[in-house]
Amino acid sequence: MDTSPHNFAALFKQLGLPNSHQEIDAFLAAHRLADGQALADAPFWNAAQAEFLREALEEDSDWAEEVDELACRLSR
């Protein structure tokens, strides 16, 4: 059973990205989704990250809320 925290910083850690507040802000400032682009289809993810994001939403996993938030924050 997964008992790790499921918050925004933990999502970045799960994706293998730096997860301090400043590093998250820098990532969000440097990356944007194209209009109508699905989060997992963005070119800045590697294959494993894209699959994790896709599965989180498709399976409505414990990460789905944070993944939704990430999609909103990367949208224009």
PDB file of N, CA and C in Angstrom:
ATOM      1  N   MET A   1       0.844  -1.177   0.000  1.00  0.00           N
ATOM      2  CA  MET A   1       0.000   0.000   0.000  1.00  0.00           C
ATOM      3  C   MET A   1       0.890   1.241   0.000  1.00  0.00           C
ATOM      4  N   ASP A   2       0.567   2.181  -0.874  1.00  0.00           N
ATOM      5  CA  ASP A   2       1.342   3.424  -0.996  1.00  0.00           C
ATOM      6  C   ASP A   2       0.887   4.418   0.060  1.00  0.00           C
ATOM      7  N   THR A   3       1.777   4.735   0.999  1.00  0.00           N
ATOM      8  CA  THR A   3       1.424   5.689   2.059  1.00  0.00           C
ATOM      9  C   THR A   3       2.190   6.994   1.917  1.00  0.00           C
ATOM     10  N   SER A   4       2.857   7.180   0.777  1.00  0.00           N
ATOM     11  CA  SER A   4       3.603   8.416   0.557  1.00  0.00           C
ATOM     12  C   SER A   4       2.628   9.577   0.374  1.00  0.00           C
ATOM     13  N   PRO A   5       3.075  10.788   0.710  1.00  0.00           N
ATOM     14  CA  PRO A   5       2.188  11.940   0.524  1.00  0.00           C
ATOM     15  C   PRO A   5       1.921  12.166  -0.955  1.00  0.00           C
ATOM     16  N   HIS A   6       0.721  12.583  -1.257  1.00  0.00           N
ATOM     17  CA  HIS A   6       0.350  12.876  -2.638  1.00  0.00           C
ATOM     18  C   HIS A   6       0.036  14.362  -2.723  1.00  0.00           C
ATOM     19  N   ASN A   7       1.091  15.148  -2.781  1.00  0.00           N
ATOM     20  CA  ASN A   7       0.944  16.598  -2.919  1.00  0.00           C
ATOM     21  C   ASN A   7       1.757  17.033  -4.139  1.00  0.00           C
ATOM     22  N   PHE A   8       1.714  18.334  -4.434  1.00  0.00           N
ATOM     23  CA  PHE A   8       2.326  18.834  -5.657  1.00  0.00           C
ATOM     24  C   PHE A   8       3.841  18.604  -5.671  1.00  0.00           C
ATOM     25  N   ALA A   9       4.521  18.861  -4.560  1.00  0.00           N
ATOM     26  CA  ALA A   9       5.971  18.639  -4.492  1.00  0.00           C
ATOM     27  C   ALA A   9       6.293  17.149  -4.643  1.00  0.00           C
ATOM     28  N   ALA A  10       5.479  16.302  -4.042  1.00  0.00           N
ATOM     29  CA  ALA A  10       5.697  14.856  -4.153  1.00  0.00           C
ATOM     30  C   ALA A  10       5.476  14.376  -5.592  1.00  0.00           C
ATOM     31  N   LEU A  11       4.551  15.019  -6.313  1.00  0.00           N
ATOM     32  CA  LEU A  11       4.339  14.675  -7.721  1.00  0.00           C
ATOM     33  C   LEU A  11       5.606  14.958  -8.523  1.00  0.00           C
ATOM     34  N   PHE A  12       6.215  16.111  -8.293  1.00  0.00           N
ATOM     35  CA  PHE A  12       7.455  16.435  -9.000  1.00  0.00           C
ATOM     36  C   PHE A  12       8.543  15.423  -8.660  1.00  0.00           C
ATOM     37  N   LYS A  13       8.629  15.037  -7.411  1.00  0.00           N
ATOM     38  CA  LYS A  13       9.605  14.017  -7.013  1.00  0.00           C
ATOM     39  C   LYS A  13       9.302  12.691  -7.714  1.00  0.00           C
ATOM     40  N   GLN A  14       8.038  12.314  -7.763  1.00  0.00           N
ATOM     41  CA  GLN A  14       7.617  11.082  -8.428  1.00  0.00           C
ATOM     42  C   GLN A  14       7.996  11.108  -9.907  1.00  0.00           C
ATOM     43  N   LEU A  15       7.936  12.290 -10.516  1.00  0.00           N
ATOM     44  CA  LEU A  15       8.299  12.438 -11.924  1.00  0.00           C
ATOM     45  C   LEU A  15       9.803  12.537 -12.130  1.00  0.00           C
ATOM     46  N   GLY A  16      10.567  12.521 -11.033  1.00  0.00           N
ATOM     47  CA  GLY A  16      12.019  12.601 -11.141  1.00  0.00           C
ATOM     48  C   GLY A  16      12.510  14.015 -11.386  1.00  0.00           C
ATOM     49  N   LEU A  17      11.701  14.992 -10.995  1.00  0.00           N
ATOM     50  CA  LEU A  17      12.052  16.401 -11.194  1.00  0.00           C
ATOM     51  C   LEU A  17      12.415  17.037  -9.864  1.00  0.00           C
ATOM     52  N   PRO A  18      13.229  18.091  -9.902  1.00  0.00           N
ATOM     53  CA  PRO A  18      13.509  18.835  -8.678  1.00  0.00           C
ATOM     54  C   PRO A  18      12.189  19.321  -8.076  1.00  0.00           C
ATOM     55  N   ASN A  19      12.069  19.271  -6.747  1.00  0.00           N
ATOM     56  CA  ASN A  19      10.759  19.537  -6.169  1.00  0.00           C
ATOM     57  C   ASN A  19      10.726  20.574  -5.049  1.00  0.00           C
ATOM     58  N   SER A  20      11.729  21.445  -5.000  1.00  0.00           N
ATOM     59  CA  SER A  20      11.615  22.555  -4.046  1.00  0.00           C
ATOM     60  C   SER A  20      10.625  23.566  -4.619  1.00  0.00           C
ATOM     61  N   HIS A  21      10.119  24.431  -3.788  1.00  0.00           N
ATOM     62  CA  HIS A  21       9.152  25.446  -4.227  1.00  0.00           C
ATOM     63  C   HIS A  21       9.723  26.267  -5.380  1.00  0.00           C
ATOM     64  N   GLN A  22      10.969  26.687  -5.259  1.00  0.00           N
ATOM     65  CA  GLN A  22      11.603  27.506  -6.294  1.00  0.00           C
ATOM     66  C   GLN A  22      11.782  26.723  -7.591  1.00  0.00           C
ATOM     67  N   GLU A  23      12.172  25.468  -7.475  1.00  0.00           N
ATOM     68  CA  GLU A  23      12.383  24.640  -8.665  1.00  0.00           C
ATOM     69  C   GLU A  23      11.062  24.338  -9.382  1.00  0.00           C
ATOM     70  N   ILE A  24      10.011  24.124  -8.621  1.00  0.00           N
ATOM     71  CA  ILE A  24       8.691  23.915  -9.226  1.00  0.00           C
ATOM     72  C   ILE A  24       8.250  25.175  -9.948  1.00  0.00           C
ATOM     73  N   ASP A  25       8.397  26.336  -9.295  1.00  0.00           N
ATOM     74  CA  ASP A  25       8.030  27.605  -9.934  1.00  0.00           C
ATOM     75  C   ASP A  25       8.820  27.822 -11.220  1.00  0.00           C
ATOM     76  N   ALA A  26      10.109  27.479 -11.212  1.00  0.00           N
ATOM     77  CA  ALA A  26      10.940  27.643 -12.402  1.00  0.00           C
ATOM     78  C   ALA A  26      10.468  26.716 -13.524  1.00  0.00           C
ATOM     79  N   PHE A  27      10.121  25.484 -13.175  1.00  0.00           N
ATOM     80  CA  PHE A  27       9.614  24.548 -14.179  1.00  0.00           C
ATOM     81  C   PHE A  27       8.326  25.075 -14.797  1.00  0.00           C
ATOM     82  N   LEU A  28       7.421  25.532 -13.950  1.00  0.00           N
ATOM     83  CA  LEU A  28       6.133  26.037 -14.436  1.00  0.00           C
ATOM     84  C   LEU A  28       6.310  27.280 -15.302  1.00  0.00           C
ATOM     85  N   ALA A  29       7.291  28.098 -14.987  1.00  0.00           N
ATOM     86  CA  ALA A  29       7.551  29.302 -15.780  1.00  0.00           C
ATOM     87  C   ALA A  29       8.165  28.964 -17.135  1.00  0.00           C
ATOM     88  N   ALA A  30       8.893  27.858 -17.207  1.00  0.00           N
ATOM     89  CA  ALA A  30       9.624  27.506 -18.425  1.00  0.00           C
ATOM     90  C   ALA A  30       8.849  26.588 -19.372  1.00  0.00           C
ATOM     91  N   HIS A  31       7.751  26.022 -18.909  1.00  0.00           N
ATOM     92  CA  HIS A  31       7.012  25.049 -19.720  1.00  0.00           C
ATOM     93  C   HIS A  31       5.545  25.437 -19.820  1.00  0.00           C
ATOM     94  N   ARG A  32       4.992  25.244 -20.999  1.00  0.00           N
ATOM     95  CA  ARG A  32       3.576  25.511 -21.248  1.00  0.00           C
ATOM     96  C   ARG A  32       3.014  24.432 -22.163  1.00  0.00           C
ATOM     97  N   LEU A  33       1.734  24.129 -21.974  1.00  0.00           N
ATOM     98  CA  LEU A  33       1.037  23.249 -22.890  1.00  0.00           C
ATOM     99  C   LEU A  33       0.514  24.078 -24.052  1.00  0.00           C
ATOM    100  N   ALA A  34       0.560  23.508 -25.239  1.00  0.00           N
ATOM    101  CA  ALA A  34      -0.049  24.155 -26.399  1.00  0.00           C
ATOM    102  C   ALA A  34      -1.563  24.093 -26.221  1.00  0.00           C
ATOM    103  N   ASP A  35      -2.261  25.000 -26.855  1.00  0.00           N
ATOM    104  CA  ASP A  35      -3.721  25.003 -26.780  1.00  0.00           C
ATOM    105  C   ASP A  35      -4.266  23.639 -27.179  1.00  0.00           C
ATOM    106  N   GLY A  36      -5.093  23.063 -26.318  1.00  0.00           N
ATOM    107  CA  GLY A  36      -5.715  21.777 -26.597  1.00  0.00           C
ATOM    108  C   GLY A  36      -4.826  20.563 -26.407  1.00  0.00           C
ATOM    109  N   GLN A  37      -3.591  20.773 -25.991  1.00  0.00           N
ATOM    110  CA  GLN A  37      -2.659  19.653 -25.825  1.00  0.00           C
ATOM    111  C   GLN A  37      -2.906  18.940 -24.502  1.00  0.00           C
ATOM    112  N   ALA A  38      -2.969  17.629 -24.551  1.00  0.00           N
ATOM    113  CA  ALA A  38      -3.082  16.832 -23.332  1.00  0.00           C
ATOM    114  C   ALA A  38      -1.760  16.891 -22.573  1.00  0.00           C
ATOM    115  N   LEU A  39      -1.844  16.884 -21.271  1.00  0.00           N
ATOM    116  CA  LEU A  39      -0.651  16.984 -20.429  1.00  0.00           C
ATOM    117  C   LEU A  39       0.393  15.934 -20.803  1.00  0.00           C
ATOM    118  N   ALA A  40      -0.010  14.689 -20.930  1.00  0.00           N
ATOM    119  CA  ALA A  40       0.938  13.601 -21.202  1.00  0.00           C
ATOM    120  C   ALA A  40       1.553  13.684 -22.596  1.00  0.00           C
ATOM    121  N   ASP A  41       0.957  14.480 -23.482  1.00  0.00           N
ATOM    122  CA  ASP A  41       1.478  14.617 -24.844  1.00  0.00           C
ATOM    123  C   ASP A  41       2.481  15.754 -25.004  1.00  0.00           C
ATOM    124  N   ALA A  42       2.750  16.474 -23.939  1.00  0.00           N
ATOM    125  CA  ALA A  42       3.700  17.590 -24.017  1.00  0.00           C
ATOM    126  C   ALA A  42       5.098  17.059 -24.325  1.00  0.00           C
ATOM    127  N   PRO A  43       5.855  17.775 -25.142  1.00  0.00           N
ATOM    128  CA  PRO A  43       7.165  17.284 -25.583  1.00  0.00           C
ATOM    129  C   PRO A  43       8.247  17.310 -24.500  1.00  0.00           C
ATOM    130  N   PHE A  44       7.985  17.938 -23.374  1.00  0.00           N
ATOM    131  CA  PHE A  44       9.022  18.035 -22.344  1.00  0.00           C
ATOM    132  C   PHE A  44       9.035  16.855 -21.375  1.00  0.00           C
ATOM    133  N   TRP A  45       8.144  15.873 -21.551  1.00  0.00           N
ATOM    134  CA  TRP A  45       8.171  14.669 -20.713  1.00  0.00           C
ATOM    135  C   TRP A  45       8.941  13.564 -21.423  1.00  0.00           C
ATOM    136  N   ASN A  46       9.621  12.734 -20.646  1.00  0.00           N
ATOM    137  CA  ASN A  46      10.172  11.525 -21.244  1.00  0.00           C
ATOM    138  C   ASN A  46       9.062  10.472 -21.273  1.00  0.00           C
ATOM    139  N   ALA A  47       9.321   9.336 -21.864  1.00  0.00           N
ATOM    140  CA  ALA A  47       8.275   8.322 -22.048  1.00  0.00           C
ATOM    141  C   ALA A  47       7.693   7.845 -20.718  1.00  0.00           C
ATOM    142  N   ALA A  48       8.540   7.624 -19.730  1.00  0.00           N
ATOM    143  CA  ALA A  48       8.064   7.136 -18.430  1.00  0.00           C
ATOM    144  C   ALA A  48       7.203   8.185 -17.731  1.00  0.00           C
ATOM    145  N   GLN A  49       7.615   9.446 -17.789  1.00  0.00           N
ATOM    146  CA  GLN A  49       6.829  10.518 -17.168  1.00  0.00           C
ATOM    147  C   GLN A  49       5.461  10.635 -17.851  1.00  0.00           C
ATOM    148  N   ALA A  50       5.453  10.608 -19.171  1.00  0.00           N
ATOM    149  CA  ALA A  50       4.198  10.720 -19.919  1.00  0.00           C
ATOM    150  C   ALA A  50       3.261   9.570 -19.572  1.00  0.00           C
ATOM    151  N   GLU A  51       3.792   8.377 -19.488  1.00  0.00           N
ATOM    152  CA  GLU A  51       2.971   7.210 -19.146  1.00  0.00           C
ATOM    153  C   GLU A  51       2.419   7.331 -17.730  1.00  0.00           C
ATOM    154  N   PHE A  52       3.222   7.777 -16.795  1.00  0.00           N
ATOM    155  CA  PHE A  52       2.757   7.969 -15.416  1.00  0.00           C
ATOM    156  C   PHE A  52       1.600   8.960 -15.383  1.00  0.00           C
ATOM    157  N   LEU A  53       1.750  10.095 -16.063  1.00  0.00           N
ATOM    158  CA  LEU A  53       0.709  11.125 -16.077  1.00  0.00           C
ATOM    159  C   LEU A  53      -0.567  10.602 -16.743  1.00  0.00           C
ATOM    160  N   ARG A  54      -0.416   9.900 -17.847  1.00  0.00           N
ATOM    161  CA  ARG A  54      -1.564   9.343 -18.559  1.00  0.00           C
ATOM    162  C   ARG A  54      -2.310   8.340 -17.680  1.00  0.00           C
ATOM    163  N   GLU A  55      -1.576   7.440 -17.060  1.00  0.00           N
ATOM    164  CA  GLU A  55      -2.198   6.424 -16.204  1.00  0.00           C
ATOM    165  C   GLU A  55      -2.845   7.036 -14.969  1.00  0.00           C
ATOM    166  N   ALA A  56      -2.228   8.046 -14.406  1.00  0.00           N
ATOM    167  CA  ALA A  56      -2.801   8.693 -13.214  1.00  0.00           C
ATOM    168  C   ALA A  56      -4.197   9.210 -13.503  1.00  0.00           C
ATOM    169  N   LEU A  57      -4.369   9.782 -14.681  1.00  0.00           N
ATOM    170  CA  LEU A  57      -5.684  10.323 -15.041  1.00  0.00           C
ATOM    171  C   LEU A  57      -6.645   9.224 -15.478  1.00  0.00           C
ATOM    172  N   GLU A  58      -6.174   8.311 -16.307  1.00  0.00           N
ATOM    173  CA  GLU A  58      -7.043   7.239 -16.808  1.00  0.00           C
ATOM    174  C   GLU A  58      -7.567   6.352 -15.696  1.00  0.00           C
ATOM    175  N   GLU A  59      -6.715   6.086 -14.703  1.00  0.00           N
ATOM    176  CA  GLU A  59      -7.083   5.185 -13.616  1.00  0.00           C
ATOM    177  C   GLU A  59      -7.635   5.931 -12.408  1.00  0.00           C
ATOM    178  N   ASP A  60      -7.728   7.267 -12.510  1.00  0.00           N
ATOM    179  CA  ASP A  60      -8.178   8.099 -11.395  1.00  0.00           C
ATOM    180  C   ASP A  60      -7.426   7.708 -10.116  1.00  0.00           C
ATOM    181  N   SER A  61      -6.105   7.645 -10.245  1.00  0.00           N
ATOM    182  CA  SER A  61      -5.252   7.207  -9.145  1.00  0.00           C
ATOM    183  C   SER A  61      -5.169   8.265  -8.052  1.00  0.00           C
ATOM    184  N   ASP A  62      -4.437   7.927  -7.003  1.00  0.00           N
ATOM    185  CA  ASP A  62      -4.222   8.875  -5.902  1.00  0.00           C
ATOM    186  C   ASP A  62      -3.532  10.141  -6.378  1.00  0.00           C
ATOM    187  N   TRP A  63      -2.855  10.077  -7.523  1.00  0.00           N
ATOM    188  CA  TRP A  63      -2.137  11.230  -8.060  1.00  0.00           C
ATOM    189  C   TRP A  63      -3.003  12.103  -8.967  1.00  0.00           C
ATOM    190  N   ALA A  64      -4.196  11.680  -9.288  1.00  0.00           N
ATOM    191  CA  ALA A  64      -5.019  12.367 -10.287  1.00  0.00           C
ATOM    192  C   ALA A  64      -5.249  13.843  -9.958  1.00  0.00           C
ATOM    193  N   GLU A  65      -5.505  14.159  -8.711  1.00  0.00           N
ATOM    194  CA  GLU A  65      -5.735  15.562  -8.335  1.00  0.00           C
ATOM    195  C   GLU A  65      -4.515  16.428  -8.616  1.00  0.00           C
ATOM    196  N   GLU A  66      -3.347  15.951  -8.240  1.00  0.00           N
ATOM    197  CA  GLU A  66      -2.124  16.707  -8.465  1.00  0.00           C
ATOM    198  C   GLU A  66      -1.805  16.808  -9.951  1.00  0.00           C
ATOM    199  N   VAL A  67      -2.071  15.742 -10.700  1.00  0.00           N
ATOM    200  CA  VAL A  67      -1.842  15.762 -12.145  1.00  0.00           C
ATOM    201  C   VAL A  67      -2.782  16.769 -12.802  1.00  0.00           C
ATOM    202  N   ASP A  68      -4.026  16.813 -12.361  1.00  0.00           N
ATOM    203  CA  ASP A  68      -4.970  17.821 -12.861  1.00  0.00           C
ATOM    204  C   ASP A  68      -4.479  19.236 -12.562  1.00  0.00           C
ATOM    205  N   GLU A  69      -3.980  19.431 -11.351  1.00  0.00           N
ATOM    206  CA  GLU A  69      -3.448  20.744 -10.980  1.00  0.00           C
ATOM    207  C   GLU A  69      -2.264  21.113 -11.869  1.00  0.00           C
ATOM    208  N   LEU A  70      -1.391  20.157 -12.129  1.00  0.00           N
ATOM    209  CA  LEU A  70      -0.239  20.402 -12.996  1.00  0.00           C
ATOM    210  C   LEU A  70      -0.707  20.816 -14.394  1.00  0.00           C
ATOM    211  N   ALA A  71      -1.688  20.110 -14.919  1.00  0.00           N
ATOM    212  CA  ALA A  71      -2.221  20.455 -16.247  1.00  0.00           C
ATOM    213  C   ALA A  71      -2.782  21.877 -16.255  1.00  0.00           C
ATOM    214  N   CYS A  72      -3.496  22.235 -15.222  1.00  0.00           N
ATOM    215  CA  CYS A  72      -4.059  23.601 -15.132  1.00  0.00           C
ATOM    216  C   CYS A  72      -2.950  24.641 -15.062  1.00  0.00           C
ATOM    217  N   ARG A  73      -1.937  24.366 -14.280  1.00  0.00           N
ATOM    218  CA  ARG A  73      -0.867  25.354 -14.107  1.00  0.00           C
ATOM    219  C   ARG A  73       0.034  25.482 -15.320  1.00  0.00           C
ATOM    220  N   LEU A  74       0.035  24.465 -16.175  1.00  0.00           N
ATOM    221  CA  LEU A  74       0.837  24.528 -17.407  1.00  0.00           C
ATOM    222  C   LEU A  74       0.022  25.033 -18.599  1.00  0.00           C
ATOM    223  N   SER A  75      -1.270  25.206 -18.408  1.00  0.00           N
ATOM    224  CA  SER A  75      -2.124  25.697 -19.488  1.00  0.00           C
ATOM    225  C   SER A  75      -1.994  27.209 -19.607  1.00  0.00           C
ATOM    226  N   ARG A  76      -2.204  27.705 -20.791  1.00  0.00           N
ATOM    227  CA  ARG A  76      -2.113  29.149 -21.034  1.00  0.00           C
ATOM    228  C   ARG A  76      -3.283  29.881 -20.468  1.00  0.00           C
TER     229      ARG A  76
END
